[in-house]
C-alpha atoms as a PDB file:
ATOM      1  CA  MET A   1      -7.372  43.448  14.395  1.00  0.00           C
ATOM      2  CA  ARG A   2      -4.352  45.180  15.861  1.00  0.00           C
ATOM      3  CA  TRP A   3      -5.703  45.226  19.207  1.00  0.00           C
ATOM      4  CA  LEU A   4      -6.509  41.573  19.004  1.00  0.00           C
ATOM      5  CA  LEU A   5      -3.027  40.688  18.052  1.00  0.00           C
ATOM      6  CA  LEU A   6      -1.602  42.774  21.080  1.00  0.00           C
ATOM      7  CA  PHE A   7      -4.089  41.134  23.338  1.00  0.00           C
ATOM      8  CA  PHE A   8      -2.899  37.492  22.432  1.00  0.00           C
ATOM      9  CA  GLY A   9       0.633  38.706  22.597  1.00  0.00           C
ATOM     10  CA  LEU A  10       0.081  39.675  26.096  1.00  0.00           C
ATOM     11  CA  LEU A  11      -1.251  36.482  27.028  1.00  0.00           C
ATOM     12  CA  GLY A  12       1.747  34.785  25.417  1.00  0.00           C
ATOM     13  CA  PHE A  13       0.250  33.098  22.414  1.00  0.00           C
ATOM     14  CA  ALA A  14      -1.024  33.953  19.181  1.00  0.00           C
ATOM     15  CA  PRO A  15      -4.121  32.653  17.436  1.00  0.00           C
ATOM     16  CA  LEU A  16      -3.608  30.005  14.795  1.00  0.00           C
ATOM     17  CA  GLY A  17      -5.873  29.739  11.976  1.00  0.00           C
ATOM     18  CA  HIS A  18      -4.832  26.663  10.020  1.00  0.00           C
ATOM     19  CA  ALA A  19      -2.237  24.001   9.598  1.00  0.00           C
ATOM     20  CA  ALA A  20       0.078  26.331   7.701  1.00  0.00           C
ATOM     21  CA  THR A  21       1.265  27.775  11.124  1.00  0.00           C
ATOM     22  CA  LEU A  22       2.056  24.688  12.601  1.00  0.00           C
ATOM     23  CA  GLU A  23       5.712  23.398  12.962  1.00  0.00           C
ATOM     24  CA  THR A  24       7.483  19.996  13.128  1.00  0.00           C
ATOM     25  CA  GLY A  25       7.535  19.095  16.883  1.00  0.00           C
ATOM     26  CA  ASP A  26       4.390  20.992  18.061  1.00  0.00           C
ATOM     27  CA  VAL A  27       2.320  19.137  20.557  1.00  0.00           C
ATOM     28  CA  LEU A  28      -1.441  19.070  19.778  1.00  0.00           C
ATOM     29  CA  LEU A  29      -4.082  18.520  22.462  1.00  0.00           C
ATOM     30  CA  MET A  30      -7.511  17.548  21.699  1.00  0.00           C
ATOM     31  CA  SER A  31     -10.990  16.454  23.075  1.00  0.00           C
ATOM     32  CA  VAL A  32     -12.157  13.379  21.705  1.00  0.00           C
ATOM     33  CA  PRO A  33     -15.864  12.229  22.066  1.00  0.00           C
ATOM     34  CA  CYS A  34     -15.550   8.691  23.622  1.00  0.00           C
ATOM     35  CA  TYR A  35     -16.398   7.273  27.198  1.00  0.00           C
ATOM     36  CA  VAL A  36     -12.794   6.653  28.322  1.00  0.00           C
ATOM     37  CA  CYS A  37     -11.730  10.123  26.918  1.00  0.00           C
ATOM     38  CA  SER A  38     -14.489  11.873  29.063  1.00  0.00           C
ATOM     39  CA  LEU A  39     -13.043   9.845  32.174  1.00  0.00           C
ATOM     40  CA  ILE A  40      -9.605  11.011  31.282  1.00  0.00           C
ATOM     41  CA  GLU A  41     -10.873  14.708  31.134  1.00  0.00           C
ATOM     42  CA  ILE A  42     -12.745  14.496  34.296  1.00  0.00           C
ATOM     43  CA  GLU A  43      -9.924  12.870  36.200  1.00  0.00           C
ATOM     44  CA  GLU A  44      -7.423  15.460  35.013  1.00  0.00           C
ATOM     45  CA  GLY A  45      -9.483  18.546  35.373  1.00  0.00           C
ATOM     46  CA  VAL A  46      -8.427  19.672  31.590  1.00  0.00           C
ATOM     47  CA  PRO A  47     -10.526  19.433  28.297  1.00  0.00           C
ATOM     48  CA  TYR A  48      -7.915  17.208  26.671  1.00  0.00           C
ATOM     49  CA  SER A  49      -7.731  13.575  26.233  1.00  0.00           C
ATOM     50  CA  HIS A  50      -5.842  12.995  23.238  1.00  0.00           C
ATOM     51  CA  SER A  51      -2.217  14.210  22.117  1.00  0.00           C
ATOM     52  CA  ALA A  52      -0.122  14.145  18.979  1.00  0.00           C
ATOM     53  CA  VAL A  53       3.137  15.467  17.533  1.00  0.00           C
ATOM     54  CA  VAL A  54       3.057  17.693  14.326  1.00  0.00           C
ATOM     55  CA  PHE A  55       5.236  16.444  11.363  1.00  0.00           C
ATOM     56  CA  ARG A  56       5.582  18.838   8.577  1.00  0.00           C
ATOM     57  CA  ASP A  57       7.171  17.515   5.270  1.00  0.00           C
ATOM     58  CA  GLY A  58       7.354  20.534   2.765  1.00  0.00           C
ATOM     59  CA  PRO A  59       3.557  21.808   2.482  1.00  0.00           C
ATOM     60  CA  ARG A  60       2.071  18.748   3.814  1.00  0.00           C
ATOM     61  CA  VAL A  61       1.197  18.529   7.521  1.00  0.00           C
ATOM     62  CA  ASP A  62       0.659  15.288   9.350  1.00  0.00           C
ATOM     63  CA  VAL A  63       0.490  14.136  13.128  1.00  0.00           C
ATOM     64  CA  LEU A  64       2.445  11.406  14.449  1.00  0.00           C
ATOM     65  CA  GLU A  65       0.077   9.693  17.056  1.00  0.00           C
ATOM     66  CA  SER A  66      -0.846   6.625  19.129  1.00  0.00           C
ATOM     67  CA  TRP A  67      -4.430   6.006  17.858  1.00  0.00           C
ATOM     68  CA  GLY A  68      -5.124   2.430  17.330  1.00  0.00           C
ATOM     69  CA  GLU A  69      -1.418   1.962  16.926  1.00  0.00           C
ATOM     70  CA  VAL A  70       1.434   4.164  16.592  1.00  0.00           C
ATOM     71  CA  LYS A  71       1.253   5.975  13.077  1.00  0.00           C
ATOM     72  CA  ARG A  72       1.221   8.990  10.857  1.00  0.00           C
ATOM     73  CA  THR A  73      -2.001  10.599  10.344  1.00  0.00           C
ATOM     74  CA  PRO A  74      -2.845  13.466   7.846  1.00  0.00           C
ATOM     75  CA  ILE A  75      -3.728  16.587  10.062  1.00  0.00           C
ATOM     76  CA  GLU A  76      -7.275  16.698   8.561  1.00  0.00           C
ATOM     77  CA  GLU A  77      -8.092  13.330   9.630  1.00  0.00           C
ATOM     78  CA  PHE A  78      -6.780  13.957  13.024  1.00  0.00           C
ATOM     79  CA  LEU A  79      -8.816  17.072  13.506  1.00  0.00           C
ATOM     80  CA  ARG A  80     -11.974  15.436  12.389  1.00  0.00           C
ATOM     81  CA  ARG A  81     -12.126  13.292  15.401  1.00  0.00           C
ATOM     82  CA  ARG A  82     -12.161  16.111  17.877  1.00  0.00           C
ATOM     83  CA  ARG A  83     -15.307  16.787  20.085  1.00  0.00           C
ATOM     84  CA  PRO A  84     -17.756  19.102  18.350  1.00  0.00           C
ATOM     85  CA  GLN A  85     -17.356  22.777  19.421  1.00  0.00           C
ATOM     86  CA  THR A  86     -13.972  22.360  20.813  1.00  0.00           C
ATOM     87  CA  ARG A  87     -10.544  23.750  19.852  1.00  0.00           C
ATOM     88  CA  VAL A  88      -7.227  21.802  19.581  1.00  0.00           C
ATOM     89  CA  ALA A  89      -4.333  23.371  21.753  1.00  0.00           C
ATOM     90  CA  VAL A  90      -1.015  23.866  20.119  1.00  0.00           C
ATOM     91  CA  LEU A  91       2.151  23.870  22.185  1.00  0.00           C
ATOM     92  CA  ARG A  92       5.557  24.548  21.200  1.00  0.00           C
ATOM     93  CA  ALA A  93       8.921  24.851  22.792  1.00  0.00           C
ATOM     94  CA  ARG A  94       9.546  28.294  24.565  1.00  0.00           C
ATOM     95  CA  ASP A  95      12.875  28.755  22.655  1.00  0.00           C
ATOM     96  CA  GLY A  96      15.449  26.914  20.250  1.00  0.00           C
ATOM     97  CA  SER A  97      17.450  25.573  23.210  1.00  0.00           C
ATOM     98  CA  ALA A  98      14.540  23.317  24.545  1.00  0.00           C
ATOM     99  CA  LEU A  99      13.978  21.745  21.201  1.00  0.00           C
ATOM    100  CA  ALA A 100      16.356  21.125  18.578  1.00  0.00           C
ATOM    101  CA  ILE A 101      14.555  19.433  15.971  1.00  0.00           C
ATOM    102  CA  ARG A 102      14.660  18.674  11.904  1.00  0.00           C
ATOM    103  CA  SER A 103      12.117  16.982  10.146  1.00  0.00           C
ATOM    104  CA  ASN A 104      14.360  14.408   8.649  1.00  0.00           C
ATOM    105  CA  GLU A 105      15.522  13.596  12.082  1.00  0.00           C
ATOM    106  CA  VAL A 106      11.899  13.238  13.380  1.00  0.00           C
ATOM    107  CA  TRP A 107      10.895  11.030  10.456  1.00  0.00           C
ATOM    108  CA  GLN A 108      13.988   8.630  10.728  1.00  0.00           C
ATOM    109  CA  LEU A 109      13.393   8.159  14.493  1.00  0.00           C
ATOM    110  CA  PHE A 110       9.595   7.645  14.195  1.00  0.00           C
ATOM    111  CA  GLU A 111      10.037   5.159  11.113  1.00  0.00           C
ATOM    112  CA  ARG A 112      13.008   3.183  13.022  1.00  0.00           C
ATOM    113  CA  GLU A 113      11.606   2.875  16.685  1.00  0.00           C
ATOM    114  CA  PHE A 114       8.038   3.849  16.854  1.00  0.00           C
ATOM    115  CA  GLN A 115       5.923   3.331  13.672  1.00  0.00           C
ATOM    116  CA  GLY A 116       3.601   0.489  13.935  1.00  0.00           C
ATOM    117  CA  LYS A 117       3.767  -0.248  17.646  1.00  0.00           C
ATOM    118  CA  GLY A 118       0.663  -1.214  19.233  1.00  0.00           C
ATOM    119  CA  PHE A 119      -1.708   0.876  21.278  1.00  0.00           C
ATOM    120  CA  ASP A 120      -1.677   0.520  25.166  1.00  0.00           C
ATOM    121  CA  ASP A 121      -5.232   0.777  26.402  1.00  0.00           C
ATOM    122  CA  VAL A 122      -4.337   0.094  30.095  1.00  0.00           C
ATOM    123  CA  PHE A 123      -2.149   3.117  30.140  1.00  0.00           C
ATOM    124  CA  LEU A 124       1.052   1.742  31.605  1.00  0.00           C
ATOM    125  CA  TRP A 125       4.377   3.072  31.373  1.00  0.00           C
ATOM    126  CA  ASN A 126       6.600   0.405  29.549  1.00  0.00           C
ATOM    127  CA  ASN A 127       3.914  -1.956  28.846  1.00  0.00           C
ATOM    128  CA  ARG A 128       4.866  -4.585  26.151  1.00  0.00           C
ATOM    129  CA  ASP A 129       3.257  -7.196  23.983  1.00  0.00           C
ATOM    130  CA  GLU A 130       5.075  -9.626  21.561  1.00  0.00           C
ATOM    131  CA  ARG A 131       5.655  -6.895  19.097  1.00  0.00           C
ATOM    132  CA  GLY A 132       7.465  -4.773  21.641  1.00  0.00           C
ATOM    133  CA  GLU A 133       6.547  -1.678  23.678  1.00  0.00           C
ATOM    134  CA  LEU A 134       2.868  -0.531  23.502  1.00  0.00           C
ATOM    135  CA  PHE A 135       2.130   3.343  23.835  1.00  0.00           C
ATOM    136  CA  TYR A 136      -0.868   5.219  24.665  1.00  0.00           C
ATOM    137  CA  CYS A 137      -1.134   8.647  23.137  1.00  0.00           C
ATOM    138  CA  SER A 138       0.519  10.853  25.712  1.00  0.00           C
ATOM    139  CA  GLU A 139       2.997   8.310  26.464  1.00  0.00           C
ATOM    140  CA  PHE A 140       4.109   8.186  22.868  1.00  0.00           C
ATOM    141  CA  VAL A 141       4.477  12.088  22.576  1.00  0.00           C
ATOM    142  CA  ALA A 142       6.514  12.289  25.834  1.00  0.00           C
ATOM    143  CA  LYS A 143       9.048   9.293  24.751  1.00  0.00           C
ATOM    144  CA  PHE A 144       9.375  10.445  21.263  1.00  0.00           C
ATOM    145  CA  LEU A 145       9.997  14.082  22.204  1.00  0.00           C
ATOM    146  CA  ASN A 146      12.285  13.273  24.980  1.00  0.00           C
ATOM    147  CA  ARG A 147      14.780  12.361  22.376  1.00  0.00           C
ATOM    148  CA  PHE A 148      15.059  15.888  21.133  1.00  0.00           C
ATOM    149  CA  ILE A 149      14.539  18.015  24.164  1.00  0.00           C
ATOM    150  CA  VAL A 150      16.623  19.166  26.808  1.00  0.00           C
ATOM    151  CA  ARG A 151      14.300  18.830  29.837  1.00  0.00           C
ATOM    152  CA  PRO A 152      12.348  15.798  29.208  1.00  0.00           C
ATOM    153  CA  PHE A 153       8.765  15.161  29.837  1.00  0.00           C
ATOM    154  CA  LEU A 154       8.423  12.933  32.957  1.00  0.00           C
ATOM    155  CA  PRO A 155       5.795  10.521  34.328  1.00  0.00           C
ATOM    156  CA  LYS A 156       3.857  11.114  37.456  1.00  0.00           C
ATOM    157  CA  PRO A 157       2.082   8.671  39.858  1.00  0.00           C
ATOM    158  CA  MET A 158      -1.352   8.340  37.927  1.00  0.00           C
ATOM    159  CA  HIS A 159      -4.780   8.317  39.869  1.00  0.00           C
ATOM    160  CA  TYR A 160      -8.319   7.116  38.824  1.00  0.00           C
ATOM    161  CA  GLN A 161     -10.213   8.333  41.827  1.00  0.00           C
ATOM    162  CA  LYS A 162     -13.134  10.492  40.178  1.00  0.00           C
ATOM    163  CA  HIS A 163     -15.880   8.204  38.789  1.00  0.00           C
ATOM    164  CA  ARG A 164     -14.127   5.060  40.515  1.00  0.00           C
ATOM    165  CA  GLU A 165     -16.892   2.801  39.523  1.00  0.00           C
ATOM    166  CA  ASP A 166     -16.502   3.789  35.782  1.00  0.00           C
ATOM    167  CA  TRP A 167     -12.720   3.346  35.998  1.00  0.00           C
ATOM    168  CA  SER A 168     -12.982  -0.142  37.690  1.00  0.00           C
ATOM    169  CA  ARG A 169     -15.387  -1.316  34.994  1.00  0.00           C
ATOM    170  CA  TYR A 170     -12.928   0.147  32.317  1.00  0.00           C
ATOM    171  CA  PHE A 171     -10.074  -1.857  33.700  1.00  0.00           C
ATOM    172  CA  ARG A 172     -12.100  -4.775  34.604  1.00  0.00           C
ATOM    173  CA  GLY A 173     -10.846  -4.815  38.254  1.00  0.00           C
ATOM    174  CA  VAL A 174      -8.696  -2.441  40.373  1.00  0.00           C
ATOM    175  CA  PRO A 175      -7.347   0.613  38.503  1.00  0.00           C
ATOM    176  CA  PRO A 176      -3.549   0.780  38.390  1.00  0.00           C
ATOM    177  CA  ASP A 177      -3.450   3.818  41.027  1.00  0.00           C
ATOM    178  CA  GLY A 178       0.067   5.031  41.611  1.00  0.00           C
ATOM    179  CA  LYS A 179       1.766   3.524  38.445  1.00  0.00           C
ATOM    180  CA  PRO A 180       3.891   5.968  36.352  1.00  0.00           C
ATOM    181  CA  GLY A 181       2.337   7.655  33.580  1.00  0.00           C
ATOM    182  CA  ILE A 182       1.578  11.048  31.759  1.00  0.00           C
ATOM    183  CA  ALA A 183      -1.818  12.403  30.649  1.00  0.00           C
ATOM    184  CA  PRO A 184      -2.325  14.876  27.707  1.00  0.00           C
ATOM    185  CA  GLY A 185      -2.991  17.828  30.074  1.00  0.00           C
ATOM    186  CA  ASP A 186       0.548  17.359  31.780  1.00  0.00           C
ATOM    187  CA  PHE A 187       2.131  18.935  28.779  1.00  0.00           C
ATOM    188  CA  LEU A 188       0.666  22.302  29.672  1.00  0.00           C
ATOM    189  CA  SER A 189       2.840  22.386  32.779  1.00  0.00           C
ATOM    190  CA  HIS A 190       6.155  21.754  31.438  1.00  0.00           C
ATOM    191  CA  PRO A 191       8.300  24.900  32.126  1.00  0.00           C
ATOM    192  CA  ASP A 192       9.997  24.729  28.631  1.00  0.00           C
ATOM    193  CA  TRP A 193       6.658  24.521  26.426  1.00  0.00           C
ATOM    194  CA  VAL A 194       3.776  27.337  25.960  1.00  0.00           C
ATOM    195  CA  GLN A 195       0.538  27.506  24.410  1.00  0.00           C
ATOM    196  CA  VAL A 196       0.996  29.381  21.175  1.00  0.00           C
ATOM    197  CA  GLY A 197      -2.662  29.175  19.906  1.00  0.00           C
ATOM    198  CA  ASP A 198      -5.357  26.763  18.921  1.00  0.00           C
ATOM    199  CA  ILE A 199      -7.088  25.273  15.903  1.00  0.00           C
END
Protein backbone atom coordinates (compact mmCIF):
# COMPACT_ATOMS: atom_id res chain seq x y z
CA MET A 1 0.00 0.00 0.00
CA ARG A 2 2.84 2.41 0.83
CA TRP A 3 4.35 2.06 -2.65
CA LEU A 4 0.95 2.85 -4.21
CA LEU A 5 0.69 6.10 -2.24
CA LEU A 6 4.24 7.00 -3.25
CA PHE A 7 3.42 6.25 -6.89
CA PHE A 8 0.33 8.48 -6.87
CA GLY A 9 2.26 11.18 -5.01
CA LEU A 10 4.93 11.22 -7.71
CA LEU A 11 2.24 11.62 -10.35
CA GLY A 12 0.92 14.66 -8.52
CA PHE A 13 -2.45 13.28 -7.41
CA ALA A 14 -3.86 10.86 -4.90
CA PRO A 15 -6.60 8.28 -5.27
CA LEU A 16 -10.02 9.35 -4.01
CA GLY A 17 -12.19 6.53 -2.80
CA HIS A 18 -15.43 8.30 -1.92
CA ALA A 19 -17.21 11.61 -1.56
CA ALA A 20 -15.82 12.23 1.96
CA THR A 21 -12.52 13.37 0.42
CA LEU A 22 -14.12 15.99 -1.83
CA GLU A 23 -13.92 19.70 -0.98
CA THR A 24 -16.12 22.66 -1.80
CA GLY A 25 -14.85 24.18 -5.05
CA ASP A 26 -13.46 20.96 -6.54
CA VAL A 27 -14.28 20.51 -10.22
CA LEU A 28 -15.61 17.13 -11.35
CA LEU A 29 -15.22 15.95 -14.95
CA MET A 30 -17.35 13.06 -16.16
CA SER A 31 -18.22 11.07 -19.27
CA VAL A 32 -21.97 10.83 -19.90
CA PRO A 33 -23.49 8.24 -22.27
CA CYS A 34 -25.44 10.45 -24.68
CA TYR A 35 -25.24 11.32 -28.38
CA VAL A 36 -23.94 14.90 -28.10
CA CYS A 37 -21.74 13.93 -25.13
CA SER A 38 -19.91 11.46 -27.36
CA LEU A 39 -19.47 14.16 -30.01
CA ILE A 40 -18.00 16.54 -27.40
CA GLU A 41 -15.50 13.93 -26.22
CA ILE A 42 -14.40 13.10 -29.77
CA GLU A 43 -14.14 16.76 -30.75
CA GLU A 44 -12.06 17.73 -27.72
CA GLY A 45 -9.99 14.54 -27.56
CA VAL A 46 -10.65 13.95 -23.86
CA PRO A 47 -12.94 11.42 -22.12
CA TYR A 48 -15.13 14.08 -20.45
CA SER A 49 -18.41 15.62 -21.56
CA HIS A 50 -19.87 17.02 -18.34
CA SER A 51 -18.55 19.11 -15.45
CA ALA A 52 -19.75 20.31 -12.05
CA VAL A 53 -18.58 22.04 -8.85
CA VAL A 54 -18.50 20.23 -5.50
CA PHE A 55 -20.45 21.79 -2.63
CA ARG A 56 -20.02 20.45 0.92
CA ASP A 57 -22.51 21.29 3.65
CA GLY A 58 -21.17 19.52 6.74
CA PRO A 59 -21.14 15.79 5.97
CA ARG A 60 -23.46 16.24 2.98
CA VAL A 61 -21.80 16.40 -0.45
CA ASP A 62 -23.62 17.74 -3.51
CA VAL A 63 -22.66 19.20 -6.85
CA LEU A 64 -23.68 22.48 -8.42
CA GLU A 65 -24.25 21.91 -12.13
CA SER A 66 -26.09 22.87 -15.27
CA TRP A 67 -28.06 19.77 -16.21
CA GLY A 68 -31.48 20.59 -17.62
CA GLU A 69 -31.18 23.75 -15.54
CA VAL A 70 -28.65 25.14 -13.09
CA LYS A 71 -29.26 23.25 -9.85
CA ARG A 72 -27.90 21.52 -6.77
CA THR A 73 -27.71 17.74 -7.12
CA PRO A 74 -26.81 15.03 -4.58
CA ILE A 75 -23.40 13.54 -5.42
CA GLU A 76 -24.89 10.03 -5.66
CA GLU A 77 -27.39 11.14 -8.31
CA PHE A 78 -24.65 12.92 -10.24
CA LEU A 79 -22.39 9.85 -10.22
CA ARG A 80 -25.19 7.54 -11.39
CA ARG A 81 -25.24 9.40 -14.73
CA ARG A 82 -21.68 8.55 -15.69
CA ARG A 83 -20.84 6.25 -18.56
CA PRO A 84 -20.37 2.67 -17.27
CA GLN A 85 -16.79 1.61 -16.54
CA THR A 86 -15.50 5.19 -16.38
CA ARG A 87 -14.03 7.32 -13.59
CA VAL A 88 -14.86 10.90 -12.62
CA ALA A 89 -11.80 13.18 -12.49
CA VAL A 90 -11.42 15.47 -9.47
CA LEU A 91 -9.61 18.79 -10.03
CA ARG A 92 -8.56 21.09 -7.21
CA ALA A 93 -6.88 24.48 -6.99
CA ARG A 94 -3.15 23.90 -6.67
CA ASP A 95 -2.74 26.09 -3.58
CA GLY A 96 -4.73 28.38 -1.33
CA SER A 97 -3.76 31.50 -3.25
CA ALA A 98 -5.58 30.24 -6.34
CA LEU A 99 -8.91 29.61 -4.64
CA ALA A 100 -10.28 31.51 -1.67
CA ILE A 101 -13.63 29.83 -1.12
CA ARG A 102 -15.97 29.19 1.80
CA SER A 103 -19.13 27.08 1.68
CA ASN A 104 -21.44 29.84 2.88
CA GLU A 105 -20.13 32.25 0.20
CA VAL A 106 -20.49 29.58 -2.48
CA TRP A 107 -24.11 28.89 -1.58
CA GLN A 108 -25.08 32.56 -1.30
CA LEU A 109 -23.66 33.34 -4.75
CA PHE A 110 -25.20 30.23 -6.30
CA GLU A 111 -28.66 30.88 -4.85
CA ARG A 112 -28.63 34.58 -5.69
CA GLU A 113 -27.25 34.52 -9.26
CA PHE A 114 -27.28 31.04 -10.78
CA GLN A 115 -29.85 28.63 -9.33
CA GLY A 116 -32.75 27.88 -11.68
CA LYS A 117 -31.18 29.42 -14.78
CA GLY A 118 -31.87 27.55 -18.00
CA PHE A 119 -29.60 25.11 -19.82
CA ASP A 120 -27.94 26.31 -23.05
CA ASP A 121 -28.08 23.41 -25.50
CA VAL A 122 -26.37 25.37 -28.32
CA PHE A 123 -23.24 26.13 -26.24
CA LEU A 124 -23.10 29.90 -26.78
CA TRP A 125 -21.18 32.08 -24.33
CA ASN A 126 -23.58 34.71 -22.92
CA ASN A 127 -26.68 33.18 -24.51
CA ARG A 128 -29.95 34.42 -22.95
CA ASP A 129 -33.69 33.82 -22.84
CA GLU A 130 -36.56 35.63 -21.10
CA ARG A 131 -35.38 34.35 -17.68
CA GLY A 132 -31.85 35.65 -18.14
CA GLU A 133 -28.53 34.04 -19.03
CA LEU A 134 -28.44 30.39 -20.09
CA PHE A 135 -25.54 28.13 -19.12
CA TYR A 136 -24.16 24.87 -20.46
CA CYS A 137 -22.24 22.77 -17.94
CA SER A 138 -18.67 23.97 -18.37
CA GLU A 139 -19.75 27.58 -18.96
CA PHE A 140 -21.52 27.52 -15.58
CA VAL A 141 -18.49 25.99 -13.83
CA ALA A 142 -16.13 28.59 -15.33
CA LYS A 143 -18.31 31.64 -14.68
CA PHE A 144 -19.22 30.49 -11.18
CA LEU A 145 -15.68 29.69 -10.04
CA ASN A 146 -14.26 32.79 -11.74
CA ARG A 147 -15.89 34.75 -8.93
CA PHE A 148 -13.51 33.08 -6.45
CA ILE A 149 -10.25 32.39 -8.28
CA VAL A 150 -7.21 34.55 -9.01
CA ARG A 151 -6.67 33.53 -12.64
CA PRO A 152 -10.03 32.97 -14.37
CA PHE A 153 -11.07 30.18 -16.69
CA LEU A 154 -11.16 31.84 -20.11
CA PRO A 155 -13.18 30.87 -23.19
CA LYS A 156 -11.52 29.82 -26.43
CA PRO A 157 -12.78 29.78 -30.05
CA MET A 158 -14.88 26.62 -30.28
CA HIS A 159 -14.68 24.17 -33.20
CA TYR A 160 -17.01 21.47 -34.49
CA GLN A 161 -14.91 19.80 -37.19
CA LYS A 162 -14.89 16.10 -36.30
CA HIS A 163 -18.05 14.30 -37.39
CA ARG A 164 -19.15 17.54 -39.06
CA GLU A 165 -22.37 16.05 -40.41
CA ASP A 166 -23.41 14.98 -36.92
CA TRP A 167 -22.70 18.46 -35.56
CA SER A 168 -24.67 20.06 -38.41
CA ARG A 169 -27.58 17.76 -37.64
CA TYR A 170 -27.37 18.59 -33.92
CA PHE A 171 -27.35 22.36 -34.57
CA ARG A 172 -29.94 22.01 -37.37
CA GLY A 173 -27.67 23.99 -39.63
CA VAL A 174 -24.16 25.43 -39.56
CA PRO A 175 -22.32 24.85 -36.24
CA PRO A 176 -21.18 28.04 -34.42
CA ASP A 177 -17.48 27.67 -35.28
CA GLY A 178 -15.14 30.24 -33.78
CA LYS A 179 -17.59 31.46 -31.14
CA PRO A 180 -16.14 31.73 -27.61
CA GLY A 181 -16.76 28.82 -25.28
CA ILE A 182 -15.23 26.31 -22.91
CA ALA A 183 -15.39 22.50 -22.87
CA PRO A 184 -15.11 20.22 -19.81
CA GLY A 185 -11.63 19.08 -20.85
CA ASP A 186 -10.34 22.66 -20.91
CA PHE A 187 -10.25 22.72 -17.10
CA LEU A 188 -7.36 20.22 -17.26
CA SER A 189 -5.03 22.80 -18.83
CA HIS A 190 -5.49 25.62 -16.30
CA PRO A 191 -2.10 26.26 -14.61
CA ASP A 192 -3.62 26.74 -11.14
CA TRP A 193 -5.58 23.48 -11.11
CA VAL A 194 -4.41 19.89 -10.77
CA GLN A 195 -6.09 16.50 -10.90
CA VAL A 196 -5.96 15.13 -7.36
CA GLY A 197 -7.59 11.80 -8.13
CA ASP A 198 -10.79 10.30 -9.39
CA ILE A 199 -13.95 8.62 -8.21
